[in-house]
Each structure stands twice: as C-alpha cells, then as structure tokens.
Amino acid sequence: MSAAFPQIREVGGYRPDSLHWHPDGLALDIMVPGWNTPGGKAFGDQVLRFLMTNKSTLGIDHAIWRQAIHYDGDGGQMMDNHGSPTQNHMDHIHVATKGGGYPRGGEVFRL
C-alpha cells in the first residue's frame, strides 16, 4: 500500500474487536487523508479500486469504505448506520484478508 499510495500515513491492524478479523491479525484499517473532502473521497475510491482489482493477489476477503461492504468490484452493499464516521468506515478503508502469508516476490499489481 505504501509503495502504491505514499499519501497513506496511518494504518491500523491488530486490535480487540467483536468480529474475528482484527483480533486474528487478518484486517487492516487504512486511514484516508482528507476523507471528508471531495479529494479525500476520490482518493479513498482509488485505493478501494486498487484493492478490489488486486484482491486475488492480496488474498482479500472484503473491504468496507463509506458504509458499504465490497466483495468484488461492484458498488458494494450498504450497511446499517453505526453512529459515527469511524464506525461507518467513512474515514478509513477496512480491508479483511483470508490470511496465508507474505508476498513471495514477483507479484504484479495494477493501479
């Protein structure tokens, strides 16, 4: 992510949660700079497209951005309102992986 998007300065990972993704080390929260501006939304959309375009290579199960869960490149499924920008994934992209290891080298990613 940092190689493709150097603007990303903050990423969260392991933490306690009621769902297993973060506690099991399978999820990241990619904080989107300027998320509440048109430019920030466009940037988050670009990061989401990158994740969905490369989901097989990255081992992604799903991503959540702006209150919608994405399993593939479609428009996503809207989620219930959880009450705050962070809980609604407005200020960050939650990306959950299937697990399975580290890059082996030679992977090709498309922007």
N, C-alpha and C. Protein backbone atom coordinates (compact mmCIF):
# COMPACT_ATOMS: atom_id res chain seq x y z
N MET A 1 0.82 -1.19 0.00
CA MET A 1 0.00 0.00 0.00
C MET A 1 0.87 1.25 0.00
N SER A 2 1.90 1.25 0.81
CA SER A 2 2.73 2.45 0.90
C SER A 2 3.48 2.72 -0.40
N ALA A 3 3.83 1.68 -1.14
CA ALA A 3 4.51 1.89 -2.41
C ALA A 3 3.55 2.45 -3.45
N ALA A 4 2.31 1.96 -3.46
CA ALA A 4 1.33 2.43 -4.43
C ALA A 4 0.72 3.77 -4.03
N PHE A 5 0.60 4.02 -2.72
CA PHE A 5 -0.06 5.22 -2.22
C PHE A 5 0.73 5.84 -1.08
N PRO A 6 1.78 6.58 -1.39
CA PRO A 6 2.60 7.18 -0.32
C PRO A 6 1.84 8.21 0.52
N GLN A 7 0.68 8.64 0.07
CA GLN A 7 -0.13 9.59 0.84
C GLN A 7 -0.68 8.95 2.12
N ILE A 8 -0.78 7.64 2.13
CA ILE A 8 -1.29 6.93 3.31
C ILE A 8 -0.21 6.97 4.38
N ARG A 9 -0.56 7.56 5.50
CA ARG A 9 0.40 7.73 6.60
C ARG A 9 0.03 6.94 7.84
N GLU A 10 -1.21 6.42 7.88
CA GLU A 10 -1.66 5.74 9.09
C GLU A 10 -2.46 4.50 8.72
N VAL A 11 -2.02 3.36 9.29
CA VAL A 11 -2.70 2.08 9.07
C VAL A 11 -2.79 1.38 10.42
N GLY A 12 -4.00 0.94 10.76
CA GLY A 12 -4.19 0.17 11.98
C GLY A 12 -4.33 -1.30 11.63
N GLY A 13 -4.05 -2.15 12.60
CA GLY A 13 -4.13 -3.58 12.35
C GLY A 13 -4.75 -4.33 13.50
N TYR A 14 -3.92 -5.06 14.22
CA TYR A 14 -4.40 -5.89 15.32
C TYR A 14 -5.03 -5.01 16.40
N ARG A 15 -6.20 -5.43 16.85
CA ARG A 15 -6.87 -4.79 17.99
C ARG A 15 -8.02 -5.68 18.43
N PRO A 16 -8.47 -5.52 19.68
CA PRO A 16 -9.65 -6.26 20.12
C PRO A 16 -10.88 -5.82 19.32
N ASP A 17 -11.77 -6.73 19.06
CA ASP A 17 -12.99 -6.42 18.31
C ASP A 17 -13.96 -7.59 18.51
N SER A 18 -15.25 -7.32 18.32
CA SER A 18 -16.24 -8.38 18.47
C SER A 18 -16.21 -9.37 17.30
N LEU A 19 -15.73 -8.93 16.14
CA LEU A 19 -15.56 -9.82 14.99
C LEU A 19 -14.11 -10.31 14.96
N HIS A 20 -13.86 -11.38 14.27
CA HIS A 20 -12.53 -12.03 14.35
C HIS A 20 -11.45 -11.40 13.50
N TRP A 21 -11.77 -10.54 12.56
CA TRP A 21 -10.77 -10.07 11.58
C TRP A 21 -9.58 -9.38 12.24
N HIS A 22 -9.80 -8.34 13.01
CA HIS A 22 -8.68 -7.63 13.65
C HIS A 22 -7.99 -8.46 14.73
N PRO A 23 -8.73 -9.10 15.65
CA PRO A 23 -8.05 -9.90 16.67
C PRO A 23 -7.22 -11.05 16.11
N ASP A 24 -7.63 -11.58 14.96
CA ASP A 24 -6.88 -12.67 14.34
C ASP A 24 -5.76 -12.17 13.42
N GLY A 25 -5.56 -10.87 13.36
CA GLY A 25 -4.49 -10.31 12.52
C GLY A 25 -4.79 -10.38 11.04
N LEU A 26 -6.07 -10.42 10.66
CA LEU A 26 -6.45 -10.58 9.25
C LEU A 26 -6.97 -9.29 8.62
N ALA A 27 -7.01 -8.19 9.37
CA ALA A 27 -7.60 -6.96 8.82
C ALA A 27 -6.72 -5.75 9.09
N LEU A 28 -6.81 -4.80 8.17
CA LEU A 28 -6.15 -3.50 8.32
C LEU A 28 -7.20 -2.40 8.18
N ASP A 29 -6.96 -1.30 8.86
CA ASP A 29 -7.75 -0.09 8.67
C ASP A 29 -6.83 0.95 8.06
N ILE A 30 -7.09 1.29 6.81
CA ILE A 30 -6.27 2.24 6.06
C ILE A 30 -6.93 3.60 6.18
N MET A 31 -6.31 4.48 6.95
CA MET A 31 -6.87 5.81 7.18
C MET A 31 -6.72 6.65 5.91
N VAL A 32 -7.80 7.31 5.52
CA VAL A 32 -7.84 8.09 4.28
C VAL A 32 -7.67 9.56 4.61
N PRO A 33 -6.54 10.17 4.20
CA PRO A 33 -6.34 11.59 4.48
C PRO A 33 -7.40 12.44 3.78
N GLY A 34 -7.94 13.41 4.50
CA GLY A 34 -8.94 14.30 3.91
C GLY A 34 -10.22 13.59 3.54
N TRP A 35 -10.57 12.53 4.25
CA TRP A 35 -11.72 11.68 3.92
C TRP A 35 -13.02 12.47 3.76
N ASN A 36 -13.13 13.60 4.45
CA ASN A 36 -14.37 14.38 4.43
C ASN A 36 -14.35 15.51 3.41
N THR A 37 -13.46 15.40 2.42
CA THR A 37 -13.39 16.35 1.31
C THR A 37 -13.62 15.60 0.00
N PRO A 38 -14.01 16.29 -1.06
CA PRO A 38 -14.16 15.59 -2.35
C PRO A 38 -12.87 14.89 -2.79
N GLY A 39 -11.73 15.55 -2.57
CA GLY A 39 -10.45 14.93 -2.95
C GLY A 39 -10.15 13.69 -2.12
N GLY A 40 -10.47 13.74 -0.83
CA GLY A 40 -10.26 12.59 0.03
C GLY A 40 -11.14 11.42 -0.35
N LYS A 41 -12.40 11.70 -0.67
CA LYS A 41 -13.31 10.64 -1.12
C LYS A 41 -12.78 10.00 -2.40
N ALA A 42 -12.34 10.85 -3.35
CA ALA A 42 -11.80 10.34 -4.62
C ALA A 42 -10.56 9.48 -4.37
N PHE A 43 -9.72 9.90 -3.43
CA PHE A 43 -8.52 9.12 -3.10
C PHE A 43 -8.92 7.78 -2.49
N GLY A 44 -9.86 7.78 -1.55
CA GLY A 44 -10.33 6.53 -0.96
C GLY A 44 -10.93 5.60 -2.00
N ASP A 45 -11.68 6.18 -2.94
CA ASP A 45 -12.24 5.37 -4.04
C ASP A 45 -11.13 4.73 -4.87
N GLN A 46 -10.06 5.48 -5.09
CA GLN A 46 -8.92 4.96 -5.86
C GLN A 46 -8.24 3.81 -5.11
N VAL A 47 -8.06 3.97 -3.81
CA VAL A 47 -7.46 2.90 -3.01
C VAL A 47 -8.35 1.66 -3.03
N LEU A 48 -9.65 1.85 -2.88
CA LEU A 48 -10.59 0.72 -2.92
C LEU A 48 -10.51 0.01 -4.27
N ARG A 49 -10.46 0.76 -5.37
CA ARG A 49 -10.34 0.14 -6.70
C ARG A 49 -9.07 -0.70 -6.78
N PHE A 50 -7.96 -0.17 -6.27
CA PHE A 50 -6.70 -0.92 -6.26
C PHE A 50 -6.87 -2.23 -5.48
N LEU A 51 -7.48 -2.16 -4.32
CA LEU A 51 -7.68 -3.36 -3.50
C LEU A 51 -8.54 -4.39 -4.23
N MET A 52 -9.64 -3.94 -4.81
CA MET A 52 -10.55 -4.87 -5.49
C MET A 52 -9.94 -5.42 -6.79
N THR A 53 -9.17 -4.59 -7.49
CA THR A 53 -8.51 -5.05 -8.72
C THR A 53 -7.48 -6.14 -8.41
N ASN A 54 -6.83 -6.03 -7.24
CA ASN A 54 -5.77 -6.95 -6.87
C ASN A 54 -6.18 -7.90 -5.75
N LYS A 55 -7.48 -8.12 -5.58
CA LYS A 55 -7.96 -8.89 -4.43
C LYS A 55 -7.45 -10.32 -4.40
N SER A 56 -7.31 -10.96 -5.55
CA SER A 56 -6.80 -12.34 -5.56
C SER A 56 -5.35 -12.39 -5.14
N THR A 57 -4.55 -11.51 -5.70
CA THR A 57 -3.12 -11.47 -5.36
C THR A 57 -2.91 -11.13 -3.90
N LEU A 58 -3.74 -10.22 -3.36
CA LEU A 58 -3.60 -9.78 -1.98
C LEU A 58 -4.34 -10.68 -0.99
N GLY A 59 -5.13 -11.62 -1.48
CA GLY A 59 -5.87 -12.52 -0.61
C GLY A 59 -6.98 -11.83 0.17
N ILE A 60 -7.66 -10.89 -0.47
CA ILE A 60 -8.68 -10.09 0.20
C ILE A 60 -10.02 -10.84 0.23
N ASP A 61 -10.64 -10.82 1.38
CA ASP A 61 -11.99 -11.36 1.54
C ASP A 61 -13.02 -10.27 1.24
N HIS A 62 -12.85 -9.09 1.87
CA HIS A 62 -13.77 -7.98 1.65
C HIS A 62 -13.12 -6.67 2.09
N ALA A 63 -13.71 -5.59 1.66
CA ALA A 63 -13.28 -4.25 2.09
C ALA A 63 -14.54 -3.45 2.41
N ILE A 64 -14.41 -2.53 3.38
CA ILE A 64 -15.52 -1.65 3.73
C ILE A 64 -15.04 -0.21 3.60
N TRP A 65 -15.81 0.60 2.86
CA TRP A 65 -15.50 2.01 2.65
C TRP A 65 -16.81 2.76 2.52
N ARG A 66 -16.94 3.82 3.28
CA ARG A 66 -18.10 4.72 3.22
C ARG A 66 -19.42 3.96 3.40
N GLN A 67 -19.44 3.12 4.43
CA GLN A 67 -20.64 2.41 4.87
C GLN A 67 -21.12 1.35 3.88
N ALA A 68 -20.24 0.90 2.99
CA ALA A 68 -20.59 -0.15 2.04
C ALA A 68 -19.53 -1.25 2.09
N ILE A 69 -19.97 -2.50 2.09
CA ILE A 69 -19.05 -3.63 2.08
C ILE A 69 -18.90 -4.13 0.65
N HIS A 70 -17.66 -4.37 0.26
CA HIS A 70 -17.33 -4.77 -1.11
C HIS A 70 -16.66 -6.14 -1.09
N TYR A 71 -17.24 -7.05 -1.86
CA TYR A 71 -16.65 -8.38 -2.03
C TYR A 71 -15.95 -8.51 -3.37
N ASP A 72 -16.28 -7.63 -4.29
CA ASP A 72 -15.64 -7.60 -5.59
C ASP A 72 -15.72 -6.16 -6.11
N GLY A 73 -15.58 -5.96 -7.38
CA GLY A 73 -15.52 -4.62 -7.95
C GLY A 73 -16.86 -3.93 -8.11
N ASP A 74 -17.93 -4.52 -7.58
CA ASP A 74 -19.24 -3.90 -7.75
C ASP A 74 -19.38 -2.67 -6.84
N GLY A 75 -20.54 -2.10 -6.79
CA GLY A 75 -20.78 -0.91 -6.00
C GLY A 75 -20.85 -1.14 -4.50
N GLY A 76 -20.81 -2.36 -4.08
CA GLY A 76 -20.86 -2.66 -2.66
C GLY A 76 -22.28 -2.72 -2.14
N GLN A 77 -22.42 -3.29 -0.97
CA GLN A 77 -23.71 -3.39 -0.30
C GLN A 77 -23.73 -2.44 0.88
N MET A 78 -24.73 -1.56 0.91
CA MET A 78 -24.82 -0.60 2.01
C MET A 78 -25.03 -1.33 3.33
N MET A 79 -24.44 -0.75 4.38
CA MET A 79 -24.53 -1.32 5.72
C MET A 79 -25.37 -0.40 6.60
N ASP A 80 -25.80 -0.90 7.74
CA ASP A 80 -26.53 -0.08 8.69
C ASP A 80 -25.67 1.06 9.20
N ASN A 81 -26.30 2.12 9.65
CA ASN A 81 -25.60 3.25 10.25
C ASN A 81 -25.19 2.84 11.67
N HIS A 82 -23.89 2.91 11.94
CA HIS A 82 -23.37 2.53 13.25
C HIS A 82 -23.08 3.73 14.13
N GLY A 83 -23.39 4.95 13.65
CA GLY A 83 -23.39 6.11 14.52
C GLY A 83 -22.26 7.11 14.43
N SER A 84 -21.12 6.74 13.89
CA SER A 84 -20.01 7.70 13.80
C SER A 84 -19.26 7.50 12.49
N PRO A 85 -18.51 8.51 12.06
CA PRO A 85 -17.73 8.35 10.82
C PRO A 85 -16.78 7.16 10.88
N THR A 86 -16.14 6.94 12.01
CA THR A 86 -15.21 5.81 12.11
C THR A 86 -15.97 4.48 12.07
N GLN A 87 -17.04 4.35 12.83
CA GLN A 87 -17.79 3.10 12.84
C GLN A 87 -18.46 2.82 11.50
N ASN A 88 -18.74 3.87 10.73
CA ASN A 88 -19.33 3.71 9.40
C ASN A 88 -18.28 3.62 8.30
N HIS A 89 -17.01 3.57 8.68
CA HIS A 89 -15.91 3.44 7.73
C HIS A 89 -15.90 4.58 6.72
N MET A 90 -16.18 5.78 7.19
CA MET A 90 -16.12 6.96 6.34
C MET A 90 -14.69 7.51 6.28
N ASP A 91 -13.94 7.38 7.37
CA ASP A 91 -12.60 7.95 7.47
C ASP A 91 -11.49 6.94 7.19
N HIS A 92 -11.87 5.71 6.93
CA HIS A 92 -10.87 4.68 6.64
C HIS A 92 -11.48 3.55 5.83
N ILE A 93 -10.60 2.80 5.19
CA ILE A 93 -10.99 1.58 4.47
C ILE A 93 -10.57 0.40 5.33
N HIS A 94 -11.54 -0.41 5.68
CA HIS A 94 -11.27 -1.66 6.39
C HIS A 94 -11.06 -2.72 5.31
N VAL A 95 -9.95 -3.41 5.36
CA VAL A 95 -9.71 -4.48 4.39
C VAL A 95 -9.39 -5.76 5.16
N ALA A 96 -10.18 -6.80 4.90
CA ALA A 96 -10.01 -8.09 5.57
C ALA A 96 -9.44 -9.10 4.59
N THR A 97 -8.47 -9.85 5.06
CA THR A 97 -7.82 -10.83 4.20
C THR A 97 -8.19 -12.24 4.61
N LYS A 98 -7.88 -13.16 3.74
CA LYS A 98 -8.10 -14.58 4.02
C LYS A 98 -6.92 -15.16 4.79
N GLY A 99 -5.84 -14.39 4.89
CA GLY A 99 -4.64 -14.87 5.56
C GLY A 99 -3.80 -15.68 4.60
N GLY A 100 -2.74 -16.25 5.10
CA GLY A 100 -1.98 -17.16 4.26
C GLY A 100 -0.58 -16.72 3.94
N GLY A 101 -0.07 -15.70 4.59
CA GLY A 101 1.35 -15.46 4.42
C GLY A 101 1.74 -14.13 3.85
N TYR A 102 2.97 -14.10 3.42
CA TYR A 102 3.64 -12.90 2.98
C TYR A 102 3.87 -12.93 1.48
N PRO A 103 4.12 -11.77 0.87
CA PRO A 103 4.46 -11.77 -0.56
C PRO A 103 5.70 -12.62 -0.80
N ARG A 104 5.73 -13.30 -1.90
CA ARG A 104 6.86 -14.17 -2.25
C ARG A 104 7.84 -13.48 -3.18
N GLY A 105 7.44 -12.32 -3.72
CA GLY A 105 8.27 -11.63 -4.69
C GLY A 105 7.77 -11.92 -6.08
N GLY A 106 7.88 -10.95 -6.94
CA GLY A 106 7.45 -11.15 -8.32
C GLY A 106 5.98 -10.87 -8.56
N GLU A 107 5.21 -10.51 -7.50
CA GLU A 107 3.81 -10.19 -7.70
C GLU A 107 3.70 -8.95 -8.59
N VAL A 108 2.65 -8.89 -9.38
CA VAL A 108 2.38 -7.74 -10.23
C VAL A 108 1.06 -7.14 -9.80
N PHE A 109 1.07 -5.86 -9.49
CA PHE A 109 -0.12 -5.16 -9.05
C PHE A 109 -0.52 -4.13 -10.08
N ARG A 110 -1.81 -3.95 -10.27
CA ARG A 110 -2.30 -2.97 -11.23
C ARG A 110 -2.96 -1.83 -10.49
N LEU A 111 -2.62 -0.61 -10.90
CA LEU A 111 -3.30 0.55 -10.37
C LEU A 111 -4.48 0.78 -11.23
